[in-house]
Amino acid sequence: MTPGFLQDPDAQLIAMFREEVDARLDVIDQGLSREAPALDDLRREAHTLNGAAAMLGLIDLAELASEMEGTLAGGLAAGTLTDAESAELRAASQRFRQLSAAA
């Protein structure tokens, strides 16, 4: 344990990251279940996950979040997501949860 910390700082950061992951992926998952999701809001959530994962050196997670962000940006440009894109994003969200739990 590092002096002055209640627990290891790395463990604290990972715990905070996991909480953020759950909250942000909940927003994405709920948004995808709407008939007309606010794609820019969902893209921002994916972008934030990308940055948080990258700052912690969790490259696989950062890349997955980047892919999610790209899909959402494409949907934003097109004005909608295809059913295949929505399914891809749901699967990516589930995979992100699994990977972050193992981090």
PDB file of N, CA and C in Angstrom:
ATOM      1  N   MET A   1       0.848  -1.176   0.000  1.00  0.00           N
ATOM      2  CA  MET A   1       0.000   0.000   0.000  1.00  0.00           C
ATOM      3  C   MET A   1       0.893   1.238   0.000  1.00  0.00           C
ATOM      4  N   THR A   2       0.478   2.235  -0.719  1.00  0.00           N
ATOM      5  CA  THR A   2       1.210   3.485  -0.814  1.00  0.00           C
ATOM      6  C   THR A   2       0.865   4.360   0.384  1.00  0.00           C
ATOM      7  N   PRO A   3       1.884   4.963   1.036  1.00  0.00           N
ATOM      8  CA  PRO A   3       1.597   5.835   2.180  1.00  0.00           C
ATOM      9  C   PRO A   3       0.631   6.953   1.784  1.00  0.00           C
ATOM     10  N   GLY A   4      -0.323   7.223   2.664  1.00  0.00           N
ATOM     11  CA  GLY A   4      -1.278   8.294   2.424  1.00  0.00           C
ATOM     12  C   GLY A   4      -2.519   7.858   1.654  1.00  0.00           C
ATOM     13  N   PHE A   5      -2.563   6.606   1.206  1.00  0.00           N
ATOM     14  CA  PHE A   5      -3.715   6.090   0.476  1.00  0.00           C
ATOM     15  C   PHE A   5      -4.368   4.988   1.285  1.00  0.00           C
ATOM     16  N   LEU A   6      -5.681   4.903   1.212  1.00  0.00           N
ATOM     17  CA  LEU A   6      -6.389   3.844   1.908  1.00  0.00           C
ATOM     18  C   LEU A   6      -6.170   2.498   1.236  1.00  0.00           C
ATOM     19  N   GLN A   7      -5.962   2.531  -0.050  1.00  0.00           N
ATOM     20  CA  GLN A   7      -5.640   1.321  -0.789  1.00  0.00           C
ATOM     21  C   GLN A   7      -4.718   1.710  -1.925  1.00  0.00           C
ATOM     22  N   ASP A   8      -4.226   0.739  -2.649  1.00  0.00           N
ATOM     23  CA  ASP A   8      -3.327   0.964  -3.765  1.00  0.00           C
ATOM     24  C   ASP A   8      -3.971   1.924  -4.774  1.00  0.00           C
ATOM     25  N   PRO A   9      -3.262   2.992  -5.176  1.00  0.00           N
ATOM     26  CA  PRO A   9      -3.841   3.951  -6.122  1.00  0.00           C
ATOM     27  C   PRO A   9      -4.282   3.297  -7.434  1.00  0.00           C
ATOM     28  N   ASP A  10      -3.514   2.326  -7.929  1.00  0.00           N
ATOM     29  CA  ASP A  10      -3.903   1.653  -9.166  1.00  0.00           C
ATOM     30  C   ASP A  10      -5.221   0.915  -8.976  1.00  0.00           C
ATOM     31  N   ALA A  11      -5.381   0.266  -7.845  1.00  0.00           N
ATOM     32  CA  ALA A  11      -6.630  -0.444  -7.557  1.00  0.00           C
ATOM     33  C   ALA A  11      -7.790   0.536  -7.452  1.00  0.00           C
ATOM     34  N   GLN A  12      -7.534   1.702  -6.866  1.00  0.00           N
ATOM     35  CA  GLN A  12      -8.576   2.728  -6.768  1.00  0.00           C
ATOM     36  C   GLN A  12      -8.994   3.206  -8.156  1.00  0.00           C
ATOM     37  N   LEU A  13      -8.027   3.440  -9.031  1.00  0.00           N
ATOM     38  CA  LEU A  13      -8.331   3.909 -10.380  1.00  0.00           C
ATOM     39  C   LEU A  13      -9.122   2.873 -11.157  1.00  0.00           C
ATOM     40  N   ILE A  14      -8.735   1.613 -11.046  1.00  0.00           N
ATOM     41  CA  ILE A  14      -9.449   0.547 -11.745  1.00  0.00           C
ATOM     42  C   ILE A  14     -10.881   0.438 -11.214  1.00  0.00           C
ATOM     43  N   ALA A  15     -11.048   0.540  -9.900  1.00  0.00           N
ATOM     44  CA  ALA A  15     -12.398   0.470  -9.316  1.00  0.00           C
ATOM     45  C   ALA A  15     -13.253   1.632  -9.816  1.00  0.00           C
ATOM     46  N   MET A  16     -12.680   2.822  -9.869  1.00  0.00           N
ATOM     47  CA  MET A  16     -13.414   3.986 -10.365  1.00  0.00           C
ATOM     48  C   MET A  16     -13.746   3.805 -11.852  1.00  0.00           C
ATOM     49  N   PHE A  17     -12.799   3.260 -12.602  1.00  0.00           N
ATOM     50  CA  PHE A  17     -13.019   3.015 -14.027  1.00  0.00           C
ATOM     51  C   PHE A  17     -14.183   2.039 -14.225  1.00  0.00           C
ATOM     52  N   ARG A  18     -14.198   0.965 -13.448  1.00  0.00           N
ATOM     53  CA  ARG A  18     -15.282  -0.022 -13.582  1.00  0.00           C
ATOM     54  C   ARG A  18     -16.643   0.599 -13.288  1.00  0.00           C
ATOM     55  N   GLU A  19     -16.703   1.470 -12.297  1.00  0.00           N
ATOM     56  CA  GLU A  19     -17.965   2.162 -11.996  1.00  0.00           C
ATOM     57  C   GLU A  19     -18.378   3.049 -13.168  1.00  0.00           C
ATOM     58  N   GLU A  20     -17.404   3.753 -13.731  1.00  0.00           N
ATOM     59  CA  GLU A  20     -17.689   4.622 -14.870  1.00  0.00           C
ATOM     60  C   GLU A  20     -18.144   3.799 -16.073  1.00  0.00           C
ATOM     61  N   VAL A  21     -17.500   2.657 -16.286  1.00  0.00           N
ATOM     62  CA  VAL A  21     -17.883   1.775 -17.388  1.00  0.00           C
ATOM     63  C   VAL A  21     -19.346   1.381 -17.252  1.00  0.00           C
ATOM     64  N   ASP A  22     -19.718   0.911 -16.068  1.00  0.00           N
ATOM     65  CA  ASP A  22     -21.105   0.485 -15.867  1.00  0.00           C
ATOM     66  C   ASP A  22     -22.088   1.616 -16.153  1.00  0.00           C
ATOM     67  N   ALA A  23     -21.802   2.783 -15.631  1.00  0.00           N
ATOM     68  CA  ALA A  23     -22.716   3.918 -15.813  1.00  0.00           C
ATOM     69  C   ALA A  23     -22.808   4.331 -17.278  1.00  0.00           C
ATOM     70  N   ARG A  24     -21.679   4.430 -17.945  1.00  0.00           N
ATOM     71  CA  ARG A  24     -21.686   4.893 -19.342  1.00  0.00           C
ATOM     72  C   ARG A  24     -22.268   3.847 -20.286  1.00  0.00           C
ATOM     73  N   LEU A  25     -21.970   2.575 -20.043  1.00  0.00           N
ATOM     74  CA  LEU A  25     -22.551   1.534 -20.888  1.00  0.00           C
ATOM     75  C   LEU A  25     -24.050   1.396 -20.647  1.00  0.00           C
ATOM     76  N   ASP A  26     -24.495   1.664 -19.424  1.00  0.00           N
ATOM     77  CA  ASP A  26     -25.935   1.676 -19.164  1.00  0.00           C
ATOM     78  C   ASP A  26     -26.619   2.743 -20.016  1.00  0.00           C
ATOM     79  N   VAL A  27     -25.998   3.916 -20.118  1.00  0.00           N
ATOM     80  CA  VAL A  27     -26.553   4.993 -20.950  1.00  0.00           C
ATOM     81  C   VAL A  27     -26.609   4.550 -22.411  1.00  0.00           C
ATOM     82  N   ILE A  28     -25.530   3.930 -22.883  1.00  0.00           N
ATOM     83  CA  ILE A  28     -25.489   3.473 -24.279  1.00  0.00           C
ATOM     84  C   ILE A  28     -26.543   2.400 -24.513  1.00  0.00           C
ATOM     85  N   ASP A  29     -26.592   1.408 -23.631  1.00  0.00           N
ATOM     86  CA  ASP A  29     -27.561   0.318 -23.796  1.00  0.00           C
ATOM     87  C   ASP A  29     -28.997   0.835 -23.779  1.00  0.00           C
ATOM     88  N   GLN A  30     -29.297   1.726 -22.834  1.00  0.00           N
ATOM     89  CA  GLN A  30     -30.650   2.292 -22.758  1.00  0.00           C
ATOM     90  C   GLN A  30     -30.954   3.130 -23.990  1.00  0.00           C
ATOM     91  N   GLY A  31     -29.967   3.877 -24.444  1.00  0.00           N
ATOM     92  CA  GLY A  31     -30.162   4.698 -25.640  1.00  0.00           C
ATOM     93  C   GLY A  31     -30.432   3.854 -26.873  1.00  0.00           C
ATOM     94  N   LEU A  32     -29.731   2.732 -26.992  1.00  0.00           N
ATOM     95  CA  LEU A  32     -29.936   1.855 -28.147  1.00  0.00           C
ATOM     96  C   LEU A  32     -31.319   1.206 -28.142  1.00  0.00           C
ATOM     97  N   SER A  33     -31.922   1.101 -26.984  1.00  0.00           N
ATOM     98  CA  SER A  33     -33.242   0.478 -26.899  1.00  0.00           C
ATOM     99  C   SER A  33     -34.366   1.449 -27.258  1.00  0.00           C
ATOM    100  N   ARG A  34     -34.034   2.724 -27.411  1.00  0.00           N
ATOM    101  CA  ARG A  34     -35.051   3.718 -27.797  1.00  0.00           C
ATOM    102  C   ARG A  34     -35.289   3.660 -29.305  1.00  0.00           C
ATOM    103  N   GLU A  35     -36.477   4.071 -29.689  1.00  0.00           N
ATOM    104  CA  GLU A  35     -36.805   4.069 -31.115  1.00  0.00           C
ATOM    105  C   GLU A  35     -35.930   5.054 -31.894  1.00  0.00           C
ATOM    106  N   ALA A  36     -35.654   6.201 -31.301  1.00  0.00           N
ATOM    107  CA  ALA A  36     -34.811   7.211 -31.948  1.00  0.00           C
ATOM    108  C   ALA A  36     -33.713   7.629 -30.959  1.00  0.00           C
ATOM    109  N   PRO A  37     -32.636   6.848 -30.877  1.00  0.00           N
ATOM    110  CA  PRO A  37     -31.590   7.166 -29.911  1.00  0.00           C
ATOM    111  C   PRO A  37     -30.890   8.491 -30.232  1.00  0.00           C
ATOM    112  N   ALA A  38     -30.444   9.170 -29.187  1.00  0.00           N
ATOM    113  CA  ALA A  38     -29.673  10.409 -29.343  1.00  0.00           C
ATOM    114  C   ALA A  38     -28.230  10.002 -29.633  1.00  0.00           C
ATOM    115  N   LEU A  39     -27.925   9.814 -30.901  1.00  0.00           N
ATOM    116  CA  LEU A  39     -26.645   9.225 -31.299  1.00  0.00           C
ATOM    117  C   LEU A  39     -25.442  10.050 -30.868  1.00  0.00           C
ATOM    118  N   ASP A  40     -25.563  11.364 -30.867  1.00  0.00           N
ATOM    119  CA  ASP A  40     -24.425  12.179 -30.458  1.00  0.00           C
ATOM    120  C   ASP A  40     -24.123  11.970 -28.973  1.00  0.00           C
ATOM    121  N   ASP A  41     -25.161  11.842 -28.159  1.00  0.00           N
ATOM    122  CA  ASP A  41     -24.951  11.572 -26.729  1.00  0.00           C
ATOM    123  C   ASP A  41     -24.282  10.220 -26.536  1.00  0.00           C
ATOM    124  N   LEU A  42     -24.729   9.223 -27.284  1.00  0.00           N
ATOM    125  CA  LEU A  42     -24.138   7.890 -27.160  1.00  0.00           C
ATOM    126  C   LEU A  42     -22.690   7.888 -27.662  1.00  0.00           C
ATOM    127  N   ARG A  43     -22.432   8.630 -28.724  1.00  0.00           N
ATOM    128  CA  ARG A  43     -21.063   8.735 -29.244  1.00  0.00           C
ATOM    129  C   ARG A  43     -20.140   9.359 -28.203  1.00  0.00           C
ATOM    130  N   ARG A  44     -20.640  10.381 -27.503  1.00  0.00           N
ATOM    131  CA  ARG A  44     -19.842  11.020 -26.452  1.00  0.00           C
ATOM    132  C   ARG A  44     -19.531  10.050 -25.317  1.00  0.00           C
ATOM    133  N   GLU A  45     -20.489   9.199 -24.967  1.00  0.00           N
ATOM    134  CA  GLU A  45     -20.252   8.200 -23.920  1.00  0.00           C
ATOM    135  C   GLU A  45     -19.139   7.245 -24.353  1.00  0.00           C
ATOM    136  N   ALA A  46     -19.195   6.786 -25.593  1.00  0.00           N
ATOM    137  CA  ALA A  46     -18.154   5.892 -26.109  1.00  0.00           C
ATOM    138  C   ALA A  46     -16.803   6.606 -26.157  1.00  0.00           C
ATOM    139  N   HIS A  47     -16.812   7.862 -26.541  1.00  0.00           N
ATOM    140  CA  HIS A  47     -15.573   8.650 -26.591  1.00  0.00           C
ATOM    141  C   HIS A  47     -14.947   8.767 -25.195  1.00  0.00           C
ATOM    142  N   THR A  48     -15.768   8.999 -24.202  1.00  0.00           N
ATOM    143  CA  THR A  48     -15.270   9.113 -22.825  1.00  0.00           C
ATOM    144  C   THR A  48     -14.686   7.790 -22.351  1.00  0.00           C
ATOM    145  N   LEU A  49     -15.352   6.687 -22.678  1.00  0.00           N
ATOM    146  CA  LEU A  49     -14.811   5.368 -22.326  1.00  0.00           C
ATOM    147  C   LEU A  49     -13.472   5.122 -23.025  1.00  0.00           C
ATOM    148  N   ASN A  50     -13.377   5.551 -24.264  1.00  0.00           N
ATOM    149  CA  ASN A  50     -12.137   5.413 -25.024  1.00  0.00           C
ATOM    150  C   ASN A  50     -10.997   6.130 -24.297  1.00  0.00           C
ATOM    151  N   GLY A  51     -11.227   7.373 -23.917  1.00  0.00           N
ATOM    152  CA  GLY A  51     -10.194   8.154 -23.241  1.00  0.00           C
ATOM    153  C   GLY A  51      -9.827   7.585 -21.879  1.00  0.00           C
ATOM    154  N   ALA A  52     -10.819   7.169 -21.113  1.00  0.00           N
ATOM    155  CA  ALA A  52     -10.555   6.620 -19.781  1.00  0.00           C
ATOM    156  C   ALA A  52      -9.745   5.333 -19.878  1.00  0.00           C
ATOM    157  N   ALA A  53     -10.120   4.465 -20.809  1.00  0.00           N
ATOM    158  CA  ALA A  53      -9.384   3.210 -20.988  1.00  0.00           C
ATOM    159  C   ALA A  53      -7.950   3.480 -21.442  1.00  0.00           C
ATOM    160  N   ALA A  54      -7.787   4.413 -22.360  1.00  0.00           N
ATOM    161  CA  ALA A  54      -6.448   4.737 -22.866  1.00  0.00           C
ATOM    162  C   ALA A  54      -5.568   5.311 -21.757  1.00  0.00           C
ATOM    163  N   MET A  55      -6.135   6.159 -20.909  1.00  0.00           N
ATOM    164  CA  MET A  55      -5.341   6.751 -19.821  1.00  0.00           C
ATOM    165  C   MET A  55      -4.851   5.699 -18.841  1.00  0.00           C
ATOM    166  N   LEU A  56      -5.600   4.607 -18.712  1.00  0.00           N
ATOM    167  CA  LEU A  56      -5.192   3.535 -17.806  1.00  0.00           C
ATOM    168  C   LEU A  56      -4.335   2.487 -18.512  1.00  0.00           C
ATOM    169  N   GLY A  57      -4.075   2.695 -19.797  1.00  0.00           N
ATOM    170  CA  GLY A  57      -3.256   1.747 -20.543  1.00  0.00           C
ATOM    171  C   GLY A  57      -4.004   0.482 -20.935  1.00  0.00           C
ATOM    172  N   LEU A  58      -5.329   0.532 -20.918  1.00  0.00           N
ATOM    173  CA  LEU A  58      -6.158  -0.619 -21.280  1.00  0.00           C
ATOM    174  C   LEU A  58      -6.462  -0.531 -22.778  1.00  0.00           C
ATOM    175  N   ILE A  59      -5.463  -0.866 -23.571  1.00  0.00           N
ATOM    176  CA  ILE A  59      -5.495  -0.630 -25.012  1.00  0.00           C
ATOM    177  C   ILE A  59      -6.628  -1.387 -25.707  1.00  0.00           C
ATOM    178  N   ASP A  60      -6.847  -2.648 -25.348  1.00  0.00           N
ATOM    179  CA  ASP A  60      -7.931  -3.412 -25.980  1.00  0.00           C
ATOM    180  C   ASP A  60      -9.280  -2.738 -25.746  1.00  0.00           C
ATOM    181  N   LEU A  61      -9.485  -2.240 -24.536  1.00  0.00           N
ATOM    182  CA  LEU A  61     -10.734  -1.548 -24.224  1.00  0.00           C
ATOM    183  C   LEU A  61     -10.823  -0.219 -24.967  1.00  0.00           C
ATOM    184  N   ALA A  62      -9.718   0.493 -25.044  1.00  0.00           N
ATOM    185  CA  ALA A  62      -9.718   1.767 -25.770  1.00  0.00           C
ATOM    186  C   ALA A  62     -10.054   1.538 -27.242  1.00  0.00           C
ATOM    187  N   GLU A  63      -9.495   0.484 -27.822  1.00  0.00           N
ATOM    188  CA  GLU A  63      -9.779   0.188 -29.231  1.00  0.00           C
ATOM    189  C   GLU A  63     -11.239  -0.201 -29.424  1.00  0.00           C
ATOM    190  N   LEU A  64     -11.787  -0.981 -28.506  1.00  0.00           N
ATOM    191  CA  LEU A  64     -13.190  -1.374 -28.601  1.00  0.00           C
ATOM    192  C   LEU A  64     -14.098  -0.146 -28.484  1.00  0.00           C
ATOM    193  N   ALA A  65     -13.787   0.735 -27.552  1.00  0.00           N
ATOM    194  CA  ALA A  65     -14.570   1.967 -27.401  1.00  0.00           C
ATOM    195  C   ALA A  65     -14.445   2.843 -28.646  1.00  0.00           C
ATOM    196  N   SER A  66     -13.267   2.869 -29.246  1.00  0.00           N
ATOM    197  CA  SER A  66     -13.060   3.643 -30.472  1.00  0.00           C
ATOM    198  C   SER A  66     -13.919   3.092 -31.608  1.00  0.00           C
ATOM    199  N   GLU A  67     -14.010   1.771 -31.691  1.00  0.00           N
ATOM    200  CA  GLU A  67     -14.864   1.156 -32.707  1.00  0.00           C
ATOM    201  C   GLU A  67     -16.329   1.516 -32.467  1.00  0.00           C
ATOM    202  N   MET A  68     -16.747   1.482 -31.205  1.00  0.00           N
ATOM    203  CA  MET A  68     -18.119   1.865 -30.868  1.00  0.00           C
ATOM    204  C   MET A  68     -18.370   3.319 -31.254  1.00  0.00           C
ATOM    205  N   GLU A  69     -17.413   4.167 -30.926  1.00  0.00           N
ATOM    206  CA  GLU A  69     -17.537   5.589 -31.246  1.00  0.00           C
ATOM    207  C   GLU A  69     -17.646   5.792 -32.752  1.00  0.00           C
ATOM    208  N   GLY A  70     -16.845   5.063 -33.521  1.00  0.00           N
ATOM    209  CA  GLY A  70     -16.891   5.173 -34.978  1.00  0.00           C
ATOM    210  C   GLY A  70     -18.229   4.739 -35.549  1.00  0.00           C
ATOM    211  N   THR A  71     -18.770   3.655 -35.029  1.00  0.00           N
ATOM    212  CA  THR A  71     -20.082   3.183 -35.482  1.00  0.00           C
ATOM    213  C   THR A  71     -21.151   4.224 -35.178  1.00  0.00           C
ATOM    214  N   LEU A  72     -21.092   4.791 -33.982  1.00  0.00           N
ATOM    215  CA  LEU A  72     -22.064   5.817 -33.601  1.00  0.00           C
ATOM    216  C   LEU A  72     -21.899   7.085 -34.428  1.00  0.00           C
ATOM    217  N   ALA A  73     -20.656   7.456 -34.732  1.00  0.00           N
ATOM    218  CA  ALA A  73     -20.421   8.638 -35.576  1.00  0.00           C
ATOM    219  C   ALA A  73     -20.970   8.405 -36.978  1.00  0.00           C
ATOM    220  N   GLY A  74     -20.800   7.187 -37.497  1.00  0.00           N
ATOM    221  CA  GLY A  74     -21.354   6.857 -38.805  1.00  0.00           C
ATOM    222  C   GLY A  74     -22.867   6.921 -38.797  1.00  0.00           C
ATOM    223  N   GLY A  75     -23.473   6.416 -37.743  1.00  0.00           N
ATOM    224  CA  GLY A  75     -24.922   6.484 -37.610  1.00  0.00           C
ATOM    225  C   GLY A  75     -25.405   7.918 -37.503  1.00  0.00           C
ATOM    226  N   LEU A  76     -24.629   8.731 -36.803  1.00  0.00           N
ATOM    227  CA  LEU A  76     -24.969  10.149 -36.665  1.00  0.00           C
ATOM    228  C   LEU A  76     -24.939  10.826 -38.037  1.00  0.00           C
ATOM    229  N   ALA A  77     -23.916  10.524 -38.828  1.00  0.00           N
ATOM    230  CA  ALA A  77     -23.808  11.115 -40.165  1.00  0.00           C
ATOM    231  C   ALA A  77     -24.942  10.649 -41.072  1.00  0.00           C
ATOM    232  N   ALA A  78     -25.341   9.381 -40.925  1.00  0.00           N
ATOM    233  CA  ALA A  78     -26.418   8.836 -41.760  1.00  0.00           C
ATOM    234  C   ALA A  78     -27.805   9.203 -41.232  1.00  0.00           C
ATOM    235  N   GLY A  79     -27.858   9.637 -39.979  1.00  0.00           N
ATOM    236  CA  GLY A  79     -29.127   9.993 -39.377  1.00  0.00           C
ATOM    237  C   GLY A  79     -29.793   8.851 -38.626  1.00  0.00           C
ATOM    238  N   THR A  80     -29.215   7.672 -38.699  1.00  0.00           N
ATOM    239  CA  THR A  80     -29.771   6.512 -38.007  1.00  0.00           C
ATOM    240  C   THR A  80     -28.754   5.373 -37.994  1.00  0.00           C
ATOM    241  N   LEU A  81     -29.011   4.403 -37.143  1.00  0.00           N
ATOM    242  CA  LEU A  81     -28.223   3.178 -37.128  1.00  0.00           C
ATOM    243  C   LEU A  81     -29.003   2.074 -37.822  1.00  0.00           C
ATOM    244  N   THR A  82     -28.292   1.219 -38.522  1.00  0.00           N
ATOM    245  CA  THR A  82     -28.956   0.040 -39.075  1.00  0.00           C
ATOM    246  C   THR A  82     -29.181  -0.953 -37.940  1.00  0.00           C
ATOM    247  N   ASP A  83     -30.032  -1.936 -38.190  1.00  0.00           N
ATOM    248  CA  ASP A  83     -30.254  -2.975 -37.185  1.00  0.00           C
ATOM    249  C   ASP A  83     -28.950  -3.709 -36.884  1.00  0.00           C
ATOM    250  N   ALA A  84     -28.150  -3.939 -37.923  1.00  0.00           N
ATOM    251  CA  ALA A  84     -26.872  -4.630 -37.748  1.00  0.00           C
ATOM    252  C   ALA A  84     -25.917  -3.798 -36.884  1.00  0.00           C
ATOM    253  N   GLU A  85     -25.895  -2.501 -37.105  1.00  0.00           N
ATOM    254  CA  GLU A  85     -25.041  -1.626 -36.295  1.00  0.00           C
ATOM    255  C   GLU A  85     -25.492  -1.614 -34.839  1.00  0.00           C
ATOM    256  N   SER A  86     -26.795  -1.552 -34.619  1.00  0.00           N
ATOM    257  CA  SER A  86     -27.319  -1.588 -33.245  1.00  0.00           C
ATOM    258  C   SER A  86     -26.939  -2.891 -32.556  1.00  0.00           C
ATOM    259  N   ALA A  87     -27.074  -4.004 -33.270  1.00  0.00           N
ATOM    260  CA  ALA A  87     -26.703  -5.304 -32.702  1.00  0.00           C
ATOM    261  C   ALA A  87     -25.208  -5.359 -32.414  1.00  0.00           C
ATOM    262  N   GLU A  88     -24.406  -4.804 -33.310  1.00  0.00           N
ATOM    263  CA  GLU A  88     -22.957  -4.755 -33.125  1.00  0.00           C
ATOM    264  C   GLU A  88     -22.596  -3.940 -31.878  1.00  0.00           C
ATOM    265  N   LEU A  89     -23.274  -2.826 -31.687  1.00  0.00           N
ATOM    266  CA  LEU A  89     -23.010  -1.979 -30.521  1.00  0.00           C
ATOM    267  C   LEU A  89     -23.432  -2.665 -29.221  1.00  0.00           C
ATOM    268  N   ARG A  90     -24.541  -3.382 -29.247  1.00  0.00           N
ATOM    269  CA  ARG A  90     -24.972  -4.119 -28.046  1.00  0.00           C
ATOM    270  C   ARG A  90     -23.950  -5.192 -27.691  1.00  0.00           C
ATOM    271  N   ALA A  91     -23.460  -5.907 -28.699  1.00  0.00           N
ATOM    272  CA  ALA A  91     -22.452  -6.945 -28.472  1.00  0.00           C
ATOM    273  C   ALA A  91     -21.146  -6.324 -27.967  1.00  0.00           C
ATOM    274  N   ALA A  92     -20.774  -5.178 -28.524  1.00  0.00           N
ATOM    275  CA  ALA A  92     -19.554  -4.496 -28.089  1.00  0.00           C
ATOM    276  C   ALA A  92     -19.684  -4.026 -26.647  1.00  0.00           C
ATOM    277  N   SER A  93     -20.857  -3.557 -26.281  1.00  0.00           N
ATOM    278  CA  SER A  93     -21.093  -3.125 -24.906  1.00  0.00           C
ATOM    279  C   SER A  93     -20.917  -4.292 -23.938  1.00  0.00           C
ATOM    280  N   GLN A  94     -21.490  -5.421 -24.297  1.00  0.00           N
ATOM    281  CA  GLN A  94     -21.356  -6.609 -23.443  1.00  0.00           C
ATOM    282  C   GLN A  94     -19.892  -7.044 -23.346  1.00  0.00           C
ATOM    283  N   ARG A  95     -19.198  -7.022 -24.458  1.00  0.00           N
ATOM    284  CA  ARG A  95     -17.774  -7.400 -24.467  1.00  0.00           C
ATOM    285  C   ARG A  95     -16.961  -6.421 -23.623  1.00  0.00           C
ATOM    286  N   PHE A  96     -17.276  -5.139 -23.719  1.00  0.00           N
ATOM    287  CA  PHE A  96     -16.561  -4.129 -22.943  1.00  0.00           C
ATOM    288  C   PHE A  96     -16.744  -4.390 -21.450  1.00  0.00           C
ATOM    289  N   ARG A  97     -17.948  -4.725 -21.054  1.00  0.00           N
ATOM    290  CA  ARG A  97     -18.210  -5.045 -19.637  1.00  0.00           C
ATOM    291  C   ARG A  97     -17.362  -6.226 -19.185  1.00  0.00           C
ATOM    292  N   GLN A  98     -17.302  -7.262 -20.022  1.00  0.00           N
ATOM    293  CA  GLN A  98     -16.526  -8.454 -19.670  1.00  0.00           C
ATOM    294  C   GLN A  98     -15.034  -8.132 -19.550  1.00  0.00           C
ATOM    295  N   LEU A  99     -14.515  -7.399 -20.504  1.00  0.00           N
ATOM    296  CA  LEU A  99     -13.092  -7.067 -20.477  1.00  0.00           C
ATOM    297  C   LEU A  99     -12.751  -6.153 -19.309  1.00  0.00           C
ATOM    298  N   SER A 100     -13.619  -5.199 -19.020  1.00  0.00           N
ATOM    299  CA  SER A 100     -13.319  -4.268 -17.921  1.00  0.00           C
ATOM    300  C   SER A 100     -13.392  -4.970 -16.584  1.00  0.00           C
ATOM    301  N   ALA A 101     -14.244  -5.960 -16.457  1.00  0.00           N
ATOM    302  CA  ALA A 101     -14.322  -6.715 -15.198  1.00  0.00           C
ATOM    303  C   ALA A 101     -13.048  -7.504 -14.945  1.00  0.00           C
ATOM    304  N   ALA A 102     -12.377  -7.875 -16.034  1.00  0.00           N
ATOM    305  CA  ALA A 102     -11.132  -8.648 -15.921  1.00  0.00           C
ATOM    306  C   ALA A 102      -9.899  -7.754 -15.785  1.00  0.00           C
ATOM    307  N   ALA A 103     -10.072  -6.446 -15.951  1.00  0.00           N
ATOM    308  CA  ALA A 103      -8.913  -5.521 -15.911  1.00  0.00           C
ATOM    309  C   ALA A 103      -8.377  -5.395 -14.488  1.00  0.00           C
TER     310      ALA A 103
END
